[in-house]
Amino acid sequence: MVEVTPLGAAVLGLVMERPMHPYEMFQLLLERDKDELLKIKPGSLYHAVDRLATQGLIEEAGTEREGNRPERTRYTIKPEGYEALHGHVSQLLREVVNEYPGFRRGIAEAHDLPVEQVVALLRERQTALRDKVDATEAHLARSGPERRQFLLNYEYSLAMLQAELAWLENIISELDQGDIIWSIFPQIVAEAPHLLTAKTHTLTFKEKP
């Protein structure tokens, strides 16, 4: 089975719906907010289309012309293309992989900052997440139930956002109340005191093991 890139899989999904030219693909991907899931640029999309054609996964399905613009080639999916798309999506749904999310890296190193700064930064994140929740809920509310099969990624995103908000609320509360022991290495106080907040005198210090 031929392997395809994430953008290539998105193109295959589009030409399953109907034959279309690359410019239409680009517009539809942006209209459907697929740029939140993968990087989409005109040049990379045209390259993906050319690669899929070279791999024998899509084929030309005619041309069209609008006004004085150059002719645009429309493409449609081949059976080999559907097989590649089927395999790609199946792997994504089935396998659990480490995607190295940035927030987890930040949380893993949060102990390097004074607790007051961590709380302030998490509150900023909390506000931004609430805005994303509101926007996602509004998007789902505007879509009818007949389109739900195309919006499962939004439902998943909403569930993850809500779960993170609940976790943040608990952690911020625990940090505020001093339920989590928070230490910072003493050499930081000596070498970079300007990075610490005015309240850091309340912190305890321990030597690095």
N, C-alpha and C. Protein backbone atom coordinates (compact mmCIF):
# COMPACT_ATOMS: atom_id res chain seq x y z
N MET A 1 0.84 -1.20 0.00
CA MET A 1 0.00 0.00 0.00
C MET A 1 0.88 1.26 0.00
N VAL A 2 0.52 2.23 -0.82
CA VAL A 2 1.28 3.47 -0.93
C VAL A 2 0.98 4.35 0.29
N GLU A 3 2.04 4.89 0.90
CA GLU A 3 1.85 5.80 2.02
C GLU A 3 1.67 7.22 1.51
N VAL A 4 0.81 7.97 2.19
CA VAL A 4 0.55 9.36 1.79
C VAL A 4 0.80 10.28 2.98
N THR A 5 1.06 11.53 2.68
CA THR A 5 1.27 12.54 3.72
C THR A 5 -0.10 12.98 4.25
N PRO A 6 -0.12 13.68 5.41
CA PRO A 6 -1.39 14.20 5.91
C PRO A 6 -2.10 15.10 4.89
N LEU A 7 -1.35 15.97 4.21
CA LEU A 7 -1.97 16.82 3.20
C LEU A 7 -2.45 16.00 2.02
N GLY A 8 -1.67 14.99 1.63
CA GLY A 8 -2.10 14.11 0.55
C GLY A 8 -3.39 13.39 0.89
N ALA A 9 -3.53 12.95 2.14
CA ALA A 9 -4.76 12.29 2.57
C ALA A 9 -5.94 13.25 2.51
N ALA A 10 -5.71 14.51 2.89
CA ALA A 10 -6.78 15.50 2.82
C ALA A 10 -7.24 15.71 1.38
N VAL A 11 -6.28 15.74 0.45
CA VAL A 11 -6.62 15.88 -0.97
C VAL A 11 -7.43 14.67 -1.45
N LEU A 12 -7.01 13.48 -1.08
CA LEU A 12 -7.76 12.28 -1.47
C LEU A 12 -9.18 12.32 -0.94
N GLY A 13 -9.35 12.81 0.29
CA GLY A 13 -10.69 12.92 0.84
C GLY A 13 -11.57 13.87 0.05
N LEU A 14 -10.97 14.95 -0.44
CA LEU A 14 -11.74 15.92 -1.22
C LEU A 14 -12.17 15.36 -2.57
N VAL A 15 -11.23 14.72 -3.28
CA VAL A 15 -11.58 14.24 -4.63
C VAL A 15 -12.43 12.98 -4.57
N MET A 16 -12.66 12.45 -3.36
CA MET A 16 -13.67 11.40 -3.22
C MET A 16 -15.06 11.99 -3.36
N GLU A 17 -15.22 13.25 -2.94
CA GLU A 17 -16.53 13.89 -2.99
C GLU A 17 -16.95 14.18 -4.42
N ARG A 18 -16.00 14.72 -5.19
CA ARG A 18 -16.28 15.05 -6.59
C ARG A 18 -14.97 15.47 -7.24
N PRO A 19 -14.86 15.43 -8.54
CA PRO A 19 -13.65 15.92 -9.20
C PRO A 19 -13.48 17.41 -8.92
N MET A 20 -12.26 17.83 -8.64
CA MET A 20 -12.02 19.26 -8.41
C MET A 20 -10.57 19.60 -8.71
N HIS A 21 -10.34 20.89 -8.94
CA HIS A 21 -9.00 21.36 -9.25
C HIS A 21 -8.32 21.85 -7.96
N PRO A 22 -7.00 21.96 -7.98
CA PRO A 22 -6.26 22.29 -6.76
C PRO A 22 -6.71 23.59 -6.08
N TYR A 23 -7.04 24.62 -6.85
CA TYR A 23 -7.47 25.87 -6.21
C TYR A 23 -8.74 25.66 -5.41
N GLU A 24 -9.68 24.89 -5.96
CA GLU A 24 -10.91 24.58 -5.22
C GLU A 24 -10.60 23.77 -3.97
N MET A 25 -9.66 22.85 -4.09
CA MET A 25 -9.25 22.07 -2.92
C MET A 25 -8.74 22.99 -1.81
N PHE A 26 -7.89 23.92 -2.19
CA PHE A 26 -7.31 24.85 -1.23
C PHE A 26 -8.40 25.65 -0.53
N GLN A 27 -9.34 26.17 -1.29
CA GLN A 27 -10.42 26.96 -0.71
C GLN A 27 -11.29 26.13 0.23
N LEU A 28 -11.58 24.91 -0.16
CA LEU A 28 -12.41 24.05 0.69
C LEU A 28 -11.71 23.67 1.98
N LEU A 29 -10.43 23.39 1.90
CA LEU A 29 -9.68 23.03 3.11
C LEU A 29 -9.70 24.18 4.11
N LEU A 30 -9.53 25.41 3.64
CA LEU A 30 -9.58 26.56 4.53
C LEU A 30 -10.99 26.78 5.06
N GLU A 31 -11.98 26.63 4.18
CA GLU A 31 -13.37 26.82 4.58
C GLU A 31 -13.76 25.83 5.68
N ARG A 32 -13.20 24.64 5.64
CA ARG A 32 -13.52 23.61 6.62
C ARG A 32 -12.54 23.59 7.79
N ASP A 33 -11.74 24.65 7.88
CA ASP A 33 -10.80 24.81 9.01
C ASP A 33 -9.79 23.68 9.12
N LYS A 34 -9.45 23.06 7.99
CA LYS A 34 -8.46 22.00 8.05
C LYS A 34 -7.05 22.54 8.32
N ASP A 35 -6.90 23.88 8.19
CA ASP A 35 -5.60 24.46 8.51
C ASP A 35 -5.31 24.43 10.01
N GLU A 36 -6.31 24.06 10.83
CA GLU A 36 -6.07 23.85 12.25
C GLU A 36 -5.50 22.46 12.51
N LEU A 37 -5.56 21.60 11.53
CA LEU A 37 -5.10 20.23 11.68
C LEU A 37 -3.78 19.96 10.96
N LEU A 38 -3.49 20.73 9.91
CA LEU A 38 -2.27 20.52 9.15
C LEU A 38 -1.90 21.82 8.44
N LYS A 39 -0.63 21.94 8.08
CA LYS A 39 -0.16 23.14 7.41
C LYS A 39 -0.62 23.10 5.96
N ILE A 40 -1.27 24.18 5.53
CA ILE A 40 -1.81 24.24 4.17
C ILE A 40 -1.32 25.52 3.50
N LYS A 41 -0.53 25.37 2.45
CA LYS A 41 -0.08 26.48 1.63
C LYS A 41 -0.32 26.10 0.17
N PRO A 42 -0.63 27.09 -0.67
CA PRO A 42 -0.90 26.77 -2.07
C PRO A 42 0.20 25.94 -2.72
N GLY A 43 1.45 26.33 -2.51
CA GLY A 43 2.55 25.60 -3.13
C GLY A 43 2.64 24.16 -2.69
N SER A 44 2.48 23.94 -1.37
CA SER A 44 2.57 22.57 -0.86
C SER A 44 1.38 21.74 -1.32
N LEU A 45 0.21 22.38 -1.48
CA LEU A 45 -0.95 21.63 -1.95
C LEU A 45 -0.77 21.19 -3.41
N TYR A 46 -0.29 22.10 -4.26
CA TYR A 46 -0.06 21.73 -5.66
C TYR A 46 0.98 20.62 -5.75
N HIS A 47 1.99 20.69 -4.89
CA HIS A 47 3.00 19.64 -4.87
C HIS A 47 2.38 18.31 -4.45
N ALA A 48 1.48 18.36 -3.46
CA ALA A 48 0.82 17.13 -3.00
C ALA A 48 -0.02 16.52 -4.11
N VAL A 49 -0.72 17.37 -4.87
CA VAL A 49 -1.53 16.88 -5.99
C VAL A 49 -0.65 16.22 -7.04
N ASP A 50 0.44 16.88 -7.39
CA ASP A 50 1.36 16.30 -8.39
C ASP A 50 1.90 14.96 -7.91
N ARG A 51 2.23 14.87 -6.64
CA ARG A 51 2.79 13.63 -6.10
C ARG A 51 1.75 12.50 -6.14
N LEU A 52 0.52 12.84 -5.78
CA LEU A 52 -0.54 11.82 -5.81
C LEU A 52 -0.78 11.32 -7.23
N ALA A 53 -0.70 12.23 -8.19
CA ALA A 53 -0.88 11.83 -9.59
C ALA A 53 0.28 10.94 -10.04
N THR A 54 1.50 11.30 -9.64
CA THR A 54 2.66 10.49 -9.99
C THR A 54 2.59 9.10 -9.35
N GLN A 55 2.04 9.03 -8.14
CA GLN A 55 1.90 7.76 -7.44
C GLN A 55 0.76 6.91 -8.00
N GLY A 56 -0.03 7.49 -8.90
CA GLY A 56 -1.14 6.75 -9.49
C GLY A 56 -2.35 6.66 -8.57
N LEU A 57 -2.50 7.61 -7.65
CA LEU A 57 -3.62 7.58 -6.70
C LEU A 57 -4.78 8.47 -7.14
N ILE A 58 -4.49 9.45 -7.97
CA ILE A 58 -5.54 10.28 -8.56
C ILE A 58 -5.26 10.40 -10.05
N GLU A 59 -6.26 10.84 -10.80
CA GLU A 59 -6.09 11.01 -12.23
C GLU A 59 -6.89 12.21 -12.72
N GLU A 60 -6.50 12.73 -13.86
CA GLU A 60 -7.20 13.89 -14.41
C GLU A 60 -8.63 13.50 -14.80
N ALA A 61 -9.54 14.46 -14.56
CA ALA A 61 -10.95 14.22 -14.88
C ALA A 61 -11.50 15.36 -15.71
N GLY A 62 -10.66 15.97 -16.52
CA GLY A 62 -11.11 17.05 -17.38
C GLY A 62 -10.54 18.39 -16.93
N THR A 63 -10.84 19.41 -17.72
CA THR A 63 -10.38 20.77 -17.42
C THR A 63 -11.57 21.72 -17.47
N GLU A 64 -11.37 22.90 -16.87
CA GLU A 64 -12.40 23.93 -16.93
C GLU A 64 -11.72 25.28 -17.00
N ARG A 65 -12.44 26.26 -17.50
CA ARG A 65 -11.90 27.61 -17.63
C ARG A 65 -12.94 28.61 -17.15
N GLU A 66 -12.49 29.59 -16.36
CA GLU A 66 -13.36 30.67 -15.90
C GLU A 66 -12.85 31.98 -16.47
N GLY A 67 -13.65 32.59 -17.36
CA GLY A 67 -13.27 33.86 -17.95
C GLY A 67 -11.96 33.74 -18.72
N ASN A 68 -11.08 34.69 -18.43
CA ASN A 68 -9.78 34.71 -19.11
C ASN A 68 -8.70 33.97 -18.34
N ARG A 69 -9.08 33.29 -17.29
CA ARG A 69 -8.09 32.58 -16.49
C ARG A 69 -7.61 31.33 -17.24
N PRO A 70 -6.42 30.86 -16.89
CA PRO A 70 -5.91 29.63 -17.54
C PRO A 70 -6.80 28.44 -17.20
N GLU A 71 -6.72 27.43 -18.02
CA GLU A 71 -7.49 26.21 -17.75
C GLU A 71 -7.01 25.55 -16.46
N ARG A 72 -7.96 24.99 -15.74
CA ARG A 72 -7.64 24.29 -14.49
C ARG A 72 -7.99 22.82 -14.66
N THR A 73 -7.05 21.99 -14.25
CA THR A 73 -7.25 20.55 -14.35
C THR A 73 -7.95 20.02 -13.12
N ARG A 74 -9.03 19.29 -13.32
CA ARG A 74 -9.73 18.65 -12.23
C ARG A 74 -9.23 17.22 -12.08
N TYR A 75 -9.22 16.76 -10.83
CA TYR A 75 -8.74 15.42 -10.52
C TYR A 75 -9.81 14.62 -9.79
N THR A 76 -9.74 13.30 -9.96
CA THR A 76 -10.64 12.40 -9.26
C THR A 76 -9.81 11.26 -8.66
N ILE A 77 -10.37 10.59 -7.69
CA ILE A 77 -9.63 9.53 -7.00
C ILE A 77 -9.69 8.23 -7.78
N LYS A 78 -8.65 7.44 -7.70
CA LYS A 78 -8.60 6.11 -8.29
C LYS A 78 -8.75 5.07 -7.17
N PRO A 79 -9.08 3.83 -7.51
CA PRO A 79 -9.20 2.80 -6.47
C PRO A 79 -7.96 2.69 -5.60
N GLU A 80 -6.79 2.84 -6.20
CA GLU A 80 -5.54 2.80 -5.42
C GLU A 80 -5.47 3.97 -4.43
N GLY A 81 -6.06 5.09 -4.82
CA GLY A 81 -6.08 6.25 -3.94
C GLY A 81 -6.97 6.01 -2.73
N TYR A 82 -8.12 5.39 -2.97
CA TYR A 82 -8.99 5.09 -1.84
C TYR A 82 -8.34 4.08 -0.90
N GLU A 83 -7.64 3.11 -1.46
CA GLU A 83 -6.95 2.13 -0.62
C GLU A 83 -5.91 2.82 0.27
N ALA A 84 -5.16 3.77 -0.32
CA ALA A 84 -4.16 4.51 0.46
C ALA A 84 -4.82 5.37 1.53
N LEU A 85 -5.92 6.03 1.18
CA LEU A 85 -6.65 6.86 2.14
C LEU A 85 -7.21 6.01 3.27
N HIS A 86 -7.78 4.87 2.91
CA HIS A 86 -8.35 3.95 3.90
C HIS A 86 -7.28 3.52 4.90
N GLY A 87 -6.11 3.16 4.39
CA GLY A 87 -5.04 2.72 5.27
C GLY A 87 -4.53 3.84 6.16
N HIS A 88 -4.41 5.04 5.61
CA HIS A 88 -3.91 6.19 6.37
C HIS A 88 -4.85 6.53 7.52
N VAL A 89 -6.15 6.64 7.23
CA VAL A 89 -7.12 7.00 8.26
C VAL A 89 -7.24 5.89 9.30
N SER A 90 -7.22 4.66 8.85
CA SER A 90 -7.31 3.53 9.78
C SER A 90 -6.16 3.55 10.79
N GLN A 91 -4.97 3.85 10.31
CA GLN A 91 -3.80 3.91 11.20
C GLN A 91 -3.94 5.03 12.22
N LEU A 92 -4.43 6.20 11.77
CA LEU A 92 -4.61 7.33 12.68
C LEU A 92 -5.63 7.01 13.77
N LEU A 93 -6.70 6.32 13.41
CA LEU A 93 -7.75 6.01 14.37
C LEU A 93 -7.33 4.92 15.35
N ARG A 94 -6.52 4.00 14.89
CA ARG A 94 -6.20 2.81 15.67
C ARG A 94 -5.02 3.03 16.62
N GLU A 95 -3.98 3.70 16.16
CA GLU A 95 -2.74 3.73 16.91
C GLU A 95 -2.68 4.88 17.90
N VAL A 96 -2.04 4.62 19.03
CA VAL A 96 -1.78 5.66 20.04
C VAL A 96 -0.30 6.04 19.92
N VAL A 97 -0.04 7.30 19.59
CA VAL A 97 1.34 7.75 19.41
C VAL A 97 1.58 8.98 20.27
N ASN A 98 2.84 9.21 20.61
CA ASN A 98 3.23 10.39 21.36
C ASN A 98 3.43 11.55 20.39
N GLU A 99 2.58 12.56 20.48
CA GLU A 99 2.65 13.68 19.55
C GLU A 99 3.47 14.84 20.09
N TYR A 100 4.10 14.68 21.24
CA TYR A 100 4.96 15.69 21.84
C TYR A 100 4.29 17.07 21.94
N PRO A 101 3.16 17.15 22.61
CA PRO A 101 2.46 18.44 22.72
C PRO A 101 3.25 19.44 23.56
N GLY A 102 3.23 20.70 23.13
CA GLY A 102 4.00 21.74 23.80
C GLY A 102 3.57 21.99 25.23
N PHE A 103 2.27 21.96 25.50
CA PHE A 103 1.80 22.25 26.85
C PHE A 103 2.32 21.22 27.85
N ARG A 104 2.36 19.97 27.45
CA ARG A 104 2.89 18.95 28.36
C ARG A 104 4.36 19.21 28.66
N ARG A 105 5.12 19.68 27.67
CA ARG A 105 6.52 20.01 27.91
C ARG A 105 6.62 21.17 28.89
N GLY A 106 5.72 22.15 28.73
CA GLY A 106 5.73 23.28 29.65
C GLY A 106 5.40 22.87 31.07
N ILE A 107 4.38 22.02 31.23
CA ILE A 107 4.00 21.55 32.55
C ILE A 107 5.14 20.74 33.17
N ALA A 108 5.84 19.98 32.35
CA ALA A 108 6.94 19.16 32.86
C ALA A 108 8.06 20.01 33.43
N GLU A 109 8.20 21.26 32.94
CA GLU A 109 9.26 22.14 33.41
C GLU A 109 8.72 23.29 34.26
N ALA A 110 7.43 23.26 34.58
CA ALA A 110 6.84 24.36 35.35
C ALA A 110 7.51 24.56 36.70
N HIS A 111 8.09 23.49 37.25
CA HIS A 111 8.73 23.59 38.56
C HIS A 111 9.95 24.50 38.55
N ASP A 112 10.41 24.88 37.34
CA ASP A 112 11.56 25.77 37.24
C ASP A 112 11.19 27.23 37.47
N LEU A 113 9.90 27.54 37.51
CA LEU A 113 9.43 28.91 37.71
C LEU A 113 8.84 29.06 39.11
N PRO A 114 8.82 30.28 39.62
CA PRO A 114 8.13 30.53 40.89
C PRO A 114 6.65 30.20 40.77
N VAL A 115 6.08 29.71 41.82
CA VAL A 115 4.70 29.24 41.77
C VAL A 115 3.73 30.35 41.39
N GLU A 116 4.01 31.59 41.83
CA GLU A 116 3.10 32.69 41.49
C GLU A 116 3.07 32.93 39.98
N GLN A 117 4.22 32.80 39.34
CA GLN A 117 4.26 32.98 37.90
C GLN A 117 3.53 31.85 37.19
N VAL A 118 3.69 30.65 37.70
CA VAL A 118 3.01 29.51 37.09
C VAL A 118 1.50 29.70 37.16
N VAL A 119 1.01 30.12 38.31
CA VAL A 119 -0.43 30.34 38.46
C VAL A 119 -0.91 31.42 37.50
N ALA A 120 -0.15 32.52 37.39
CA ALA A 120 -0.55 33.61 36.49
C ALA A 120 -0.59 33.14 35.04
N LEU A 121 0.42 32.36 34.64
CA LEU A 121 0.47 31.87 33.26
C LEU A 121 -0.66 30.88 32.98
N LEU A 122 -0.96 30.03 33.95
CA LEU A 122 -2.06 29.08 33.77
C LEU A 122 -3.40 29.80 33.71
N ARG A 123 -3.54 30.88 34.42
CA ARG A 123 -4.79 31.65 34.33
C ARG A 123 -4.94 32.26 32.94
N GLU A 124 -3.82 32.72 32.35
CA GLU A 124 -3.89 33.24 30.98
C GLU A 124 -4.33 32.14 30.02
N ARG A 125 -3.76 30.96 30.20
CA ARG A 125 -4.13 29.84 29.34
C ARG A 125 -5.60 29.48 29.54
N GLN A 126 -6.04 29.54 30.78
CA GLN A 126 -7.43 29.22 31.10
C GLN A 126 -8.38 30.15 30.35
N THR A 127 -8.06 31.43 30.32
CA THR A 127 -8.89 32.40 29.59
C THR A 127 -8.92 32.10 28.10
N ALA A 128 -7.74 31.79 27.53
CA ALA A 128 -7.67 31.49 26.10
C ALA A 128 -8.45 30.23 25.77
N LEU A 129 -8.39 29.23 26.63
CA LEU A 129 -9.12 27.98 26.40
C LEU A 129 -10.62 28.21 26.45
N ARG A 130 -11.06 29.05 27.37
CA ARG A 130 -12.49 29.34 27.45
C ARG A 130 -12.99 29.99 26.17
N ASP A 131 -12.15 30.87 25.60
CA ASP A 131 -12.53 31.50 24.33
C ASP A 131 -12.64 30.44 23.23
N LYS A 132 -11.71 29.48 23.22
CA LYS A 132 -11.76 28.42 22.21
C LYS A 132 -12.98 27.53 22.41
N VAL A 133 -13.32 27.26 23.65
CA VAL A 133 -14.52 26.47 23.93
C VAL A 133 -15.75 27.18 23.39
N ASP A 134 -15.87 28.47 23.68
CA ASP A 134 -17.02 29.25 23.20
C ASP A 134 -17.09 29.23 21.67
N ALA A 135 -15.94 29.40 21.02
CA ALA A 135 -15.92 29.42 19.55
C ALA A 135 -16.30 28.06 18.97
N THR A 136 -15.80 26.99 19.59
CA THR A 136 -16.10 25.64 19.09
C THR A 136 -17.57 25.30 19.31
N GLU A 137 -18.09 25.65 20.46
CA GLU A 137 -19.52 25.41 20.72
C GLU A 137 -20.39 26.18 19.74
N ALA A 138 -20.01 27.41 19.43
CA ALA A 138 -20.78 28.21 18.48
C ALA A 138 -20.74 27.59 17.08
N HIS A 139 -19.57 27.09 16.70
CA HIS A 139 -19.44 26.46 15.38
C HIS A 139 -20.33 25.22 15.29
N LEU A 140 -20.33 24.41 16.33
CA LEU A 140 -21.16 23.21 16.31
C LEU A 140 -22.64 23.56 16.31
N ALA A 141 -23.00 24.62 17.02
CA ALA A 141 -24.41 25.03 17.09
C ALA A 141 -24.93 25.50 15.74
N ARG A 142 -24.02 26.06 14.91
CA ARG A 142 -24.44 26.55 13.59
C ARG A 142 -24.61 25.42 12.58
N SER A 143 -24.13 24.25 12.91
CA SER A 143 -24.17 23.13 11.97
C SER A 143 -25.31 22.19 12.32
N GLY A 144 -26.04 21.76 11.33
CA GLY A 144 -27.16 20.87 11.56
C GLY A 144 -26.72 19.44 11.81
N PRO A 145 -27.61 18.61 12.36
CA PRO A 145 -27.26 17.22 12.67
C PRO A 145 -26.87 16.39 11.45
N GLU A 146 -27.32 16.81 10.26
CA GLU A 146 -26.98 16.05 9.06
C GLU A 146 -25.50 16.17 8.71
N ARG A 147 -24.82 17.15 9.30
CA ARG A 147 -23.40 17.34 9.02
C ARG A 147 -22.53 16.81 10.15
N ARG A 148 -23.11 16.12 11.12
CA ARG A 148 -22.34 15.72 12.29
C ARG A 148 -21.17 14.80 11.92
N GLN A 149 -21.32 13.97 10.91
CA GLN A 149 -20.25 13.04 10.55
C GLN A 149 -18.99 13.78 10.10
N PHE A 150 -19.16 15.04 9.66
CA PHE A 150 -18.01 15.83 9.23
C PHE A 150 -17.44 16.69 10.35
N LEU A 151 -18.07 16.65 11.52
CA LEU A 151 -17.70 17.55 12.61
C LEU A 151 -17.22 16.82 13.85
N LEU A 152 -16.94 15.53 13.73
CA LEU A 152 -16.49 14.78 14.90
C LEU A 152 -15.19 15.32 15.46
N ASN A 153 -14.35 15.88 14.58
CA ASN A 153 -13.08 16.45 15.07
C ASN A 153 -13.34 17.65 15.98
N TYR A 154 -14.41 18.41 15.68
CA TYR A 154 -14.77 19.54 16.55
C TYR A 154 -15.29 19.03 17.90
N GLU A 155 -16.09 17.97 17.87
CA GLU A 155 -16.60 17.41 19.11
C GLU A 155 -15.45 16.89 19.98
N TYR A 156 -14.50 16.23 19.33
CA TYR A 156 -13.33 15.73 20.06
C TYR A 156 -12.54 16.90 20.66
N SER A 157 -12.31 17.92 19.84
CA SER A 157 -11.57 19.09 20.31
C SER A 157 -12.27 19.74 21.49
N LEU A 158 -13.59 19.84 21.42
CA LEU A 158 -14.36 20.44 22.52
C LEU A 158 -14.22 19.62 23.79
N ALA A 159 -14.30 18.31 23.66
CA ALA A 159 -14.17 17.44 24.84
C ALA A 159 -12.79 17.59 25.47
N MET A 160 -11.73 17.67 24.63
CA MET A 160 -10.38 17.82 25.16
C MET A 160 -10.19 19.18 25.83
N LEU A 161 -10.74 20.22 25.23
CA LEU A 161 -10.66 21.56 25.81
C LEU A 161 -11.35 21.61 27.17
N GLN A 162 -12.53 21.02 27.24
CA GLN A 162 -13.27 21.02 28.49
C GLN A 162 -12.55 20.22 29.57
N ALA A 163 -11.96 19.10 29.18
CA ALA A 163 -11.20 18.29 30.14
C ALA A 163 -9.99 19.07 30.65
N GLU A 164 -9.29 19.76 29.75
CA GLU A 164 -8.12 20.54 30.18
C GLU A 164 -8.54 21.69 31.09
N LEU A 165 -9.65 22.34 30.77
CA LEU A 165 -10.14 23.42 31.63
C LEU A 165 -10.43 22.91 33.04
N ALA A 166 -11.05 21.75 33.13
CA ALA A 166 -11.36 21.18 34.45
C ALA A 166 -10.08 20.87 35.21
N TRP A 167 -9.08 20.33 34.50
CA TRP A 167 -7.79 20.03 35.14
C TRP A 167 -7.11 21.31 35.60
N LEU A 168 -7.11 22.33 34.75
CA LEU A 168 -6.49 23.60 35.10
C LEU A 168 -7.14 24.22 36.33
N GLU A 169 -8.45 24.16 36.38
CA GLU A 169 -9.16 24.74 37.52
C GLU A 169 -8.71 24.08 38.82
N ASN A 170 -8.58 22.76 38.81
CA ASN A 170 -8.15 22.03 40.01
C ASN A 170 -6.71 22.37 40.39
N ILE A 171 -5.81 22.37 39.39
CA ILE A 171 -4.41 22.63 39.65
C ILE A 171 -4.19 24.06 40.16
N ILE A 172 -4.84 25.03 39.53
CA ILE A 172 -4.71 26.42 39.96
C ILE A 172 -5.19 26.57 41.40
N SER A 173 -6.29 25.91 41.72
CA SER A 173 -6.81 25.97 43.09
C SER A 173 -5.81 25.37 44.08
N GLU A 174 -5.23 24.23 43.73
CA GLU A 174 -4.26 23.59 44.62
C GLU A 174 -3.02 24.45 44.80
N LEU A 175 -2.55 25.07 43.72
CA LEU A 175 -1.37 25.93 43.81
C LEU A 175 -1.67 27.17 44.65
N ASP A 176 -2.84 27.75 44.46
CA ASP A 176 -3.24 28.92 45.23
C ASP A 176 -3.29 28.62 46.73
N GLN A 177 -3.77 27.44 47.05
CA GLN A 177 -3.94 27.08 48.45
C GLN A 177 -2.68 26.48 49.08
N GLY A 178 -1.62 26.34 48.27
CA GLY A 178 -0.39 25.79 48.81
C GLY A 178 -0.43 24.30 49.04
N ASP A 179 -1.33 23.59 48.34
CA ASP A 179 -1.46 22.15 48.54
C ASP A 179 -0.34 21.37 47.84
N ILE A 180 0.37 22.03 46.92
CA ILE A 180 1.48 21.39 46.22
C ILE A 180 2.78 22.01 46.71
N ILE A 181 3.68 21.20 47.25
CA ILE A 181 4.97 21.70 47.71
C ILE A 181 5.76 22.22 46.51
N TRP A 182 6.21 23.47 46.59
CA TRP A 182 6.87 24.10 45.44
C TRP A 182 8.21 24.67 45.88
N SER A 183 9.26 24.16 45.33
CA SER A 183 10.60 24.62 45.66
C SER A 183 11.29 25.14 44.41
N ILE A 184 12.24 26.04 44.61
CA ILE A 184 13.01 26.54 43.48
C ILE A 184 14.47 26.55 43.90
N PHE A 185 15.34 26.24 42.99
CA PHE A 185 16.75 26.07 43.35
C PHE A 185 17.37 27.40 43.79
N PRO A 186 18.14 27.40 44.90
CA PRO A 186 18.64 28.65 45.48
C PRO A 186 19.57 29.44 44.56
N GLN A 187 20.27 28.76 43.63
CA GLN A 187 21.18 29.53 42.79
C GLN A 187 20.44 30.49 41.88
N ILE A 188 19.18 30.19 41.59
CA ILE A 188 18.38 31.09 40.76
C ILE A 188 18.18 32.42 41.47
N VAL A 189 17.95 32.36 42.77
CA VAL A 189 17.75 33.59 43.55
C VAL A 189 18.98 34.47 43.47
N ALA A 190 20.15 33.86 43.50
CA ALA A 190 21.39 34.63 43.48
C ALA A 190 21.75 35.14 42.09
N GLU A 191 21.50 34.32 41.07
CA GLU A 191 21.97 34.65 39.74
C GLU A 191 20.95 35.40 38.88
N ALA A 192 19.66 35.21 39.13
CA ALA A 192 18.63 35.86 38.30
C ALA A 192 17.45 36.29 39.14
N PRO A 193 17.68 37.12 40.14
CA PRO A 193 16.57 37.52 41.02
C PRO A 193 15.48 38.29 40.31
N HIS A 194 15.82 38.97 39.20
CA HIS A 194 14.82 39.76 38.48
C HIS A 194 13.74 38.89 37.84
N LEU A 195 14.00 37.59 37.71
CA LEU A 195 13.01 36.69 37.11
C LEU A 195 11.99 36.21 38.12
N LEU A 196 12.23 36.49 39.38
CA LEU A 196 11.33 36.03 40.43
C LEU A 196 10.35 37.11 40.81
N THR A 197 9.19 36.72 41.27
CA THR A 197 8.17 37.69 41.66
C THR A 197 8.46 38.21 43.05
N ALA A 198 7.73 39.22 43.46
CA ALA A 198 7.94 39.84 44.76
C ALA A 198 7.61 38.91 45.91
N LYS A 199 6.85 37.87 45.63
CA LYS A 199 6.40 36.97 46.70
C LYS A 199 7.31 35.76 46.89
N THR A 200 8.40 35.71 46.17
CA THR A 200 9.20 34.50 46.22
C THR A 200 9.87 34.28 47.57
N HIS A 201 9.84 35.27 48.43
CA HIS A 201 10.44 35.05 49.74
C HIS A 201 9.67 34.02 50.55
N THR A 202 8.46 33.70 50.11
CA THR A 202 7.66 32.71 50.83
C THR A 202 8.02 31.29 50.40
N LEU A 203 8.83 31.17 49.33
CA LEU A 203 9.17 29.85 48.82
C LEU A 203 10.22 29.18 49.70
N THR A 204 10.21 27.87 49.70
CA THR A 204 11.27 27.12 50.36
C THR A 204 12.27 26.70 49.30
N PHE A 205 13.48 26.41 49.72
CA PHE A 205 14.52 26.08 48.76
C PHE A 205 15.15 24.76 49.12
N LYS A 206 15.59 24.05 48.10
CA LYS A 206 16.30 22.80 48.33
C LYS A 206 17.40 22.67 47.31
N GLU A 207 18.42 21.96 47.67
CA GLU A 207 19.53 21.74 46.75
C GLU A 207 19.12 20.77 45.67
N LYS A 208 19.70 20.95 44.49
CA LYS A 208 19.43 20.02 43.39
C LYS A 208 20.03 18.65 43.75
N PRO A 209 19.24 17.58 43.61
CA PRO A 209 19.76 16.26 43.98
C PRO A 209 20.94 15.87 43.11
